[in-house]
């Protein structure tokens, strides 16, 4: 049985609608937004404080965001987000446009779907 998803970190919802969500989120060292992907929405992360680490699959990649930098994650691309190093990170996370969907993934067994292209 799959464990229910619990949102990591301190969350301050700025806007939450049927097709877009905007949140300020702070992750302490050791906290993680676990591996997942979206089929409808794009996650765009803006670093506000500290360093945000985004790990991605398809292809495997690691992105480090410093204050003022951003990264948009295409649909169908698995990713996880953590603070980099031993200090917290604070980010603005914009999710949309479309109905929110979240699909957990095991990075050890994930394989890209044939015929599924990122938008």
N, C-alpha and C. Protein backbone atom coordinates (compact mmCIF):
# COMPACT_ATOMS: atom_id res chain seq x y z
N UNK A 1 0.85 -1.19 0.00
CA UNK A 1 0.00 0.00 0.00
C UNK A 1 0.89 1.24 0.00
N UNK A 2 0.56 2.21 -0.83
CA UNK A 2 1.32 3.45 -0.94
C UNK A 2 0.97 4.37 0.23
N UNK A 3 2.01 4.95 0.83
CA UNK A 3 1.81 5.89 1.93
C UNK A 3 1.19 7.18 1.37
N UNK A 4 0.29 7.83 2.13
CA UNK A 4 -0.27 9.09 1.65
C UNK A 4 0.82 10.15 1.57
N UNK A 5 0.68 11.03 0.61
CA UNK A 5 1.67 12.10 0.40
C UNK A 5 1.48 13.18 1.46
N UNK A 6 2.55 13.53 2.12
CA UNK A 6 2.56 14.62 3.09
C UNK A 6 3.49 15.69 2.54
N UNK A 7 2.99 16.90 2.39
CA UNK A 7 3.80 17.98 1.84
C UNK A 7 4.92 18.34 2.80
N UNK A 8 6.14 18.37 2.30
CA UNK A 8 7.32 18.64 3.11
C UNK A 8 7.52 20.14 3.30
N UNK A 9 8.07 20.49 4.45
CA UNK A 9 8.47 21.87 4.69
C UNK A 9 7.35 22.75 5.20
N UNK A 10 7.69 24.02 5.33
CA UNK A 10 6.73 25.05 5.74
C UNK A 10 6.13 25.64 4.48
N UNK A 11 4.79 25.64 4.41
CA UNK A 11 4.12 26.09 3.19
C UNK A 11 3.24 27.29 3.48
N UNK A 12 3.37 28.31 2.63
CA UNK A 12 2.52 29.49 2.68
C UNK A 12 1.87 29.61 1.30
N UNK A 13 0.58 29.25 1.22
CA UNK A 13 -0.13 29.35 -0.07
C UNK A 13 -0.38 30.82 -0.39
N UNK A 14 0.06 31.24 -1.56
CA UNK A 14 -0.14 32.61 -2.02
C UNK A 14 -1.38 32.67 -2.89
N UNK A 15 -1.56 31.67 -3.74
CA UNK A 15 -2.75 31.57 -4.59
C UNK A 15 -3.01 30.08 -4.84
N UNK A 16 -4.28 29.71 -4.79
CA UNK A 16 -4.65 28.32 -5.02
C UNK A 16 -5.98 28.32 -5.75
N UNK A 17 -5.94 27.92 -7.02
CA UNK A 17 -7.14 27.88 -7.83
C UNK A 17 -7.31 26.53 -8.48
N UNK A 18 -8.28 26.41 -9.35
CA UNK A 18 -8.56 25.12 -10.00
C UNK A 18 -7.51 24.76 -11.04
N UNK A 19 -6.76 25.75 -11.55
CA UNK A 19 -5.77 25.43 -12.58
C UNK A 19 -4.38 26.03 -12.34
N UNK A 20 -4.17 26.62 -11.15
CA UNK A 20 -2.84 27.14 -10.83
C UNK A 20 -2.68 27.21 -9.30
N UNK A 21 -1.47 26.96 -8.85
CA UNK A 21 -1.15 27.09 -7.43
C UNK A 21 0.18 27.80 -7.30
N UNK A 22 0.27 28.71 -6.32
CA UNK A 22 1.51 29.42 -6.05
C UNK A 22 1.75 29.33 -4.55
N UNK A 23 2.91 28.82 -4.19
CA UNK A 23 3.23 28.68 -2.78
C UNK A 23 4.66 29.09 -2.50
N UNK A 24 4.85 29.65 -1.34
CA UNK A 24 6.19 29.88 -0.81
C UNK A 24 6.47 28.68 0.09
N UNK A 25 7.59 28.01 -0.16
CA UNK A 25 7.89 26.82 0.62
C UNK A 25 9.32 26.90 1.13
N UNK A 26 9.49 26.55 2.41
CA UNK A 26 10.81 26.48 3.03
C UNK A 26 11.09 25.04 3.40
N UNK A 27 12.25 24.53 2.95
CA UNK A 27 12.69 23.19 3.29
C UNK A 27 13.92 23.28 4.18
N UNK A 28 13.90 22.58 5.29
CA UNK A 28 15.05 22.49 6.18
C UNK A 28 15.98 21.40 5.65
N UNK A 29 17.25 21.42 6.03
CA UNK A 29 18.14 20.34 5.63
C UNK A 29 17.52 18.98 6.00
N UNK A 30 17.57 18.05 5.07
CA UNK A 30 16.99 16.73 5.28
C UNK A 30 15.55 16.60 4.81
N UNK A 31 14.86 17.72 4.61
CA UNK A 31 13.49 17.65 4.08
C UNK A 31 13.54 17.53 2.57
N UNK A 32 12.56 16.85 2.00
CA UNK A 32 12.56 16.60 0.56
C UNK A 32 11.14 16.60 0.02
N UNK A 33 10.98 17.20 -1.15
CA UNK A 33 9.77 17.00 -1.94
C UNK A 33 10.11 15.77 -2.78
N UNK A 34 9.50 14.62 -2.48
CA UNK A 34 9.96 13.35 -3.05
C UNK A 34 9.71 13.22 -4.55
N UNK A 35 10.38 12.22 -5.13
CA UNK A 35 10.30 11.95 -6.56
C UNK A 35 8.85 11.85 -7.02
N UNK A 36 8.54 12.58 -8.07
CA UNK A 36 7.21 12.56 -8.68
C UNK A 36 7.29 13.23 -10.05
N UNK A 37 6.19 13.15 -10.78
CA UNK A 37 6.08 13.89 -12.05
C UNK A 37 4.64 14.32 -12.21
N UNK A 38 4.41 15.21 -13.17
CA UNK A 38 3.08 15.71 -13.49
C UNK A 38 2.83 15.48 -14.97
N UNK A 39 1.61 15.14 -15.33
CA UNK A 39 1.28 14.94 -16.75
C UNK A 39 0.58 16.15 -17.35
N UNK A 40 0.09 17.03 -16.50
CA UNK A 40 -0.69 18.17 -16.97
C UNK A 40 0.01 19.50 -16.69
N UNK A 41 0.53 19.66 -15.50
CA UNK A 41 1.07 20.96 -15.08
C UNK A 41 2.60 21.01 -15.16
N UNK A 42 3.11 22.21 -15.17
CA UNK A 42 4.54 22.47 -15.11
C UNK A 42 4.85 23.04 -13.73
N UNK A 43 5.89 22.51 -13.09
CA UNK A 43 6.41 23.09 -11.85
C UNK A 43 7.49 24.10 -12.23
N UNK A 44 7.34 25.33 -11.76
CA UNK A 44 8.39 26.32 -11.94
C UNK A 44 8.82 26.78 -10.55
N UNK A 45 10.11 26.62 -10.29
CA UNK A 45 10.66 26.92 -8.97
C UNK A 45 11.57 28.14 -9.06
N UNK A 46 11.35 29.11 -8.17
CA UNK A 46 12.17 30.32 -8.07
C UNK A 46 12.85 30.31 -6.71
N UNK A 47 14.15 30.37 -6.67
CA UNK A 47 14.89 30.36 -5.40
C UNK A 47 14.84 31.75 -4.77
N UNK A 48 14.39 31.78 -3.50
CA UNK A 48 14.31 33.03 -2.76
C UNK A 48 15.40 33.16 -1.70
N UNK A 49 15.88 32.02 -1.20
CA UNK A 49 16.88 32.02 -0.12
C UNK A 49 17.59 30.68 -0.09
N UNK A 50 18.87 30.67 0.22
CA UNK A 50 19.64 29.43 0.24
C UNK A 50 19.89 28.93 -1.17
N UNK A 51 20.06 27.62 -1.31
CA UNK A 51 20.25 27.00 -2.62
C UNK A 51 19.27 25.85 -2.75
N UNK A 52 18.48 25.87 -3.82
CA UNK A 52 17.51 24.81 -4.10
C UNK A 52 18.17 23.80 -5.03
N UNK A 53 18.07 22.52 -4.66
CA UNK A 53 18.60 21.45 -5.50
C UNK A 53 17.43 20.68 -6.11
N UNK A 54 17.42 20.60 -7.44
CA UNK A 54 16.39 19.85 -8.16
C UNK A 54 17.09 18.72 -8.90
N UNK A 55 16.69 17.50 -8.60
CA UNK A 55 17.21 16.33 -9.30
C UNK A 55 16.13 15.86 -10.25
N UNK A 56 16.54 15.52 -11.48
CA UNK A 56 15.60 15.14 -12.53
C UNK A 56 16.03 13.84 -13.19
N UNK A 57 15.06 13.16 -13.78
CA UNK A 57 15.31 11.97 -14.59
C UNK A 57 14.85 12.25 -16.01
N UNK A 58 15.37 11.47 -16.95
CA UNK A 58 14.93 11.54 -18.34
C UNK A 58 15.36 12.79 -19.09
N UNK A 59 16.63 13.09 -19.20
CA UNK A 59 17.80 12.40 -18.67
C UNK A 59 18.11 12.83 -17.24
N UNK A 60 18.99 12.06 -16.60
CA UNK A 60 19.42 12.36 -15.24
C UNK A 60 20.17 13.69 -15.22
N UNK A 61 19.76 14.55 -14.28
CA UNK A 61 20.35 15.89 -14.23
C UNK A 61 20.17 16.44 -12.82
N UNK A 62 21.08 17.29 -12.40
CA UNK A 62 20.95 18.00 -11.13
C UNK A 62 21.09 19.49 -11.39
N UNK A 63 20.12 20.27 -10.91
CA UNK A 63 20.12 21.72 -11.09
C UNK A 63 20.22 22.36 -9.72
N UNK A 64 21.15 23.29 -9.56
CA UNK A 64 21.27 24.07 -8.34
C UNK A 64 20.84 25.50 -8.62
N UNK A 65 19.85 25.97 -7.87
CA UNK A 65 19.34 27.32 -8.05
C UNK A 65 19.81 28.21 -6.92
N UNK A 66 20.45 29.31 -7.27
CA UNK A 66 20.82 30.34 -6.30
C UNK A 66 19.72 31.38 -6.26
N UNK A 67 19.78 32.26 -5.29
CA UNK A 67 18.77 33.31 -5.15
C UNK A 67 18.59 34.05 -6.47
N UNK A 68 17.34 34.17 -6.90
CA UNK A 68 17.02 34.87 -8.15
C UNK A 68 16.95 33.98 -9.37
N UNK A 69 17.39 32.73 -9.27
CA UNK A 69 17.34 31.81 -10.41
C UNK A 69 16.06 30.98 -10.37
N UNK A 70 15.69 30.46 -11.55
CA UNK A 70 14.47 29.66 -11.63
C UNK A 70 14.68 28.48 -12.57
N UNK A 71 13.77 27.51 -12.46
CA UNK A 71 13.80 26.33 -13.30
C UNK A 71 12.37 25.86 -13.53
N UNK A 72 12.00 25.66 -14.79
CA UNK A 72 10.69 25.11 -15.14
C UNK A 72 10.88 23.64 -15.50
N UNK A 73 10.08 22.78 -14.89
CA UNK A 73 10.19 21.33 -15.11
C UNK A 73 9.04 20.90 -16.00
N UNK A 74 9.38 20.36 -17.14
CA UNK A 74 8.39 19.95 -18.14
C UNK A 74 7.53 18.81 -17.62
N UNK A 75 6.36 18.66 -18.21
CA UNK A 75 5.49 17.54 -17.87
C UNK A 75 6.19 16.22 -18.15
N UNK A 76 5.79 15.21 -17.41
CA UNK A 76 6.29 13.84 -17.55
C UNK A 76 7.76 13.67 -17.20
N UNK A 77 8.36 14.65 -16.55
CA UNK A 77 9.77 14.54 -16.15
C UNK A 77 9.87 14.39 -14.63
N UNK A 78 10.24 13.20 -14.16
CA UNK A 78 10.35 12.98 -12.71
C UNK A 78 11.40 13.90 -12.08
N UNK A 79 11.07 14.36 -10.86
CA UNK A 79 11.97 15.26 -10.16
C UNK A 79 11.73 15.18 -8.66
N UNK A 80 12.76 15.58 -7.92
CA UNK A 80 12.64 15.78 -6.48
C UNK A 80 13.38 17.05 -6.12
N UNK A 81 12.96 17.69 -5.02
CA UNK A 81 13.54 18.98 -4.63
C UNK A 81 14.00 18.90 -3.18
N UNK A 82 15.22 19.38 -2.94
CA UNK A 82 15.79 19.41 -1.60
C UNK A 82 16.60 20.69 -1.44
N UNK A 83 16.90 21.06 -0.18
CA UNK A 83 17.88 22.13 0.01
C UNK A 83 19.26 21.56 -0.30
N UNK A 84 20.15 22.38 -0.81
CA UNK A 84 21.51 21.94 -1.08
C UNK A 84 22.39 22.36 0.10
N UNK A 85 23.09 21.41 0.68
CA UNK A 85 23.97 21.73 1.80
C UNK A 85 23.25 21.62 3.13
N UNK A 86 23.80 22.30 4.11
CA UNK A 86 23.28 22.16 5.48
C UNK A 86 22.52 23.40 5.96
N UNK A 87 21.95 24.16 5.02
CA UNK A 87 21.12 25.31 5.37
C UNK A 87 19.77 25.18 4.67
N UNK A 88 18.72 25.77 5.25
CA UNK A 88 17.40 25.71 4.60
C UNK A 88 17.40 26.43 3.26
N UNK A 89 16.39 26.13 2.46
CA UNK A 89 16.15 26.89 1.24
C UNK A 89 14.69 27.33 1.26
N UNK A 90 14.46 28.49 0.64
CA UNK A 90 13.10 29.02 0.52
C UNK A 90 12.86 29.28 -0.95
N UNK A 91 11.70 28.86 -1.43
CA UNK A 91 11.41 28.96 -2.86
C UNK A 91 9.98 29.40 -3.09
N UNK A 92 9.74 29.92 -4.28
CA UNK A 92 8.40 30.17 -4.77
C UNK A 92 8.13 29.07 -5.78
N UNK A 93 7.07 28.32 -5.57
CA UNK A 93 6.73 27.20 -6.44
C UNK A 93 5.42 27.53 -7.15
N UNK A 94 5.49 27.64 -8.48
CA UNK A 94 4.31 27.94 -9.29
C UNK A 94 3.95 26.67 -10.05
N UNK A 95 2.72 26.21 -9.87
CA UNK A 95 2.26 24.97 -10.50
C UNK A 95 1.04 25.25 -11.36
N UNK A 96 1.15 24.93 -12.65
CA UNK A 96 0.04 25.14 -13.56
C UNK A 96 0.58 25.20 -14.98
N UNK A 97 -0.19 25.50 -15.89
CA UNK A 97 -1.60 25.77 -15.82
C UNK A 97 -2.33 24.48 -16.20
N UNK A 98 -3.31 24.13 -15.40
CA UNK A 98 -4.10 22.93 -15.61
C UNK A 98 -4.45 22.32 -14.26
N UNK A 99 -5.25 21.27 -14.30
CA UNK A 99 -5.66 20.60 -13.08
C UNK A 99 -4.46 19.89 -12.45
N UNK A 100 -4.26 20.10 -11.15
CA UNK A 100 -3.11 19.53 -10.44
C UNK A 100 -3.14 18.01 -10.51
N UNK A 101 -2.00 17.44 -10.85
CA UNK A 101 -1.84 15.99 -10.80
C UNK A 101 -0.43 15.70 -10.30
N UNK A 102 -0.30 14.65 -9.53
CA UNK A 102 1.00 14.28 -8.96
C UNK A 102 1.10 12.77 -8.99
N UNK A 103 2.20 12.28 -9.58
CA UNK A 103 2.41 10.84 -9.72
C UNK A 103 3.74 10.47 -9.08
N UNK A 104 3.71 9.76 -7.94
CA UNK A 104 4.97 9.35 -7.31
C UNK A 104 5.74 8.40 -8.21
N UNK A 105 7.04 8.39 -8.08
CA UNK A 105 7.87 7.53 -8.93
C UNK A 105 9.06 7.04 -8.11
N UNK A 106 9.49 5.83 -8.38
CA UNK A 106 10.70 5.28 -7.78
C UNK A 106 11.83 5.50 -8.78
N UNK A 107 12.82 6.34 -8.44
CA UNK A 107 13.87 6.65 -9.42
C UNK A 107 14.71 5.44 -9.81
N UNK A 108 14.71 4.41 -8.98
CA UNK A 108 15.50 3.21 -9.28
C UNK A 108 14.85 2.33 -10.35
N UNK A 109 13.53 2.43 -10.48
CA UNK A 109 12.82 1.57 -11.44
C UNK A 109 12.15 2.34 -12.57
N UNK A 110 12.16 3.68 -12.52
CA UNK A 110 11.45 4.48 -13.52
C UNK A 110 12.09 4.32 -14.90
N UNK A 111 11.24 4.18 -15.89
CA UNK A 111 11.66 4.16 -17.29
C UNK A 111 10.75 5.12 -18.06
N UNK A 112 11.31 5.91 -18.97
CA UNK A 112 10.45 6.81 -19.75
C UNK A 112 9.46 6.02 -20.58
N UNK A 113 8.25 6.56 -20.69
CA UNK A 113 7.21 5.93 -21.52
C UNK A 113 7.50 6.16 -22.98
N UNK A 114 7.31 5.14 -23.78
CA UNK A 114 7.47 5.28 -25.22
C UNK A 114 6.29 6.07 -25.77
N UNK A 115 6.60 7.08 -26.55
CA UNK A 115 5.54 7.87 -27.17
C UNK A 115 5.00 8.98 -26.29
N UNK A 116 5.53 9.15 -25.07
CA UNK A 116 5.10 10.23 -24.21
C UNK A 116 6.12 11.34 -24.28
N UNK A 117 5.74 12.43 -24.88
CA UNK A 117 6.67 13.55 -25.05
C UNK A 117 6.37 14.63 -24.02
N UNK A 118 7.39 15.28 -23.56
CA UNK A 118 7.19 16.44 -22.66
C UNK A 118 6.70 17.60 -23.48
N UNK A 119 5.89 18.42 -22.85
CA UNK A 119 5.37 19.60 -23.53
C UNK A 119 6.14 20.81 -23.11
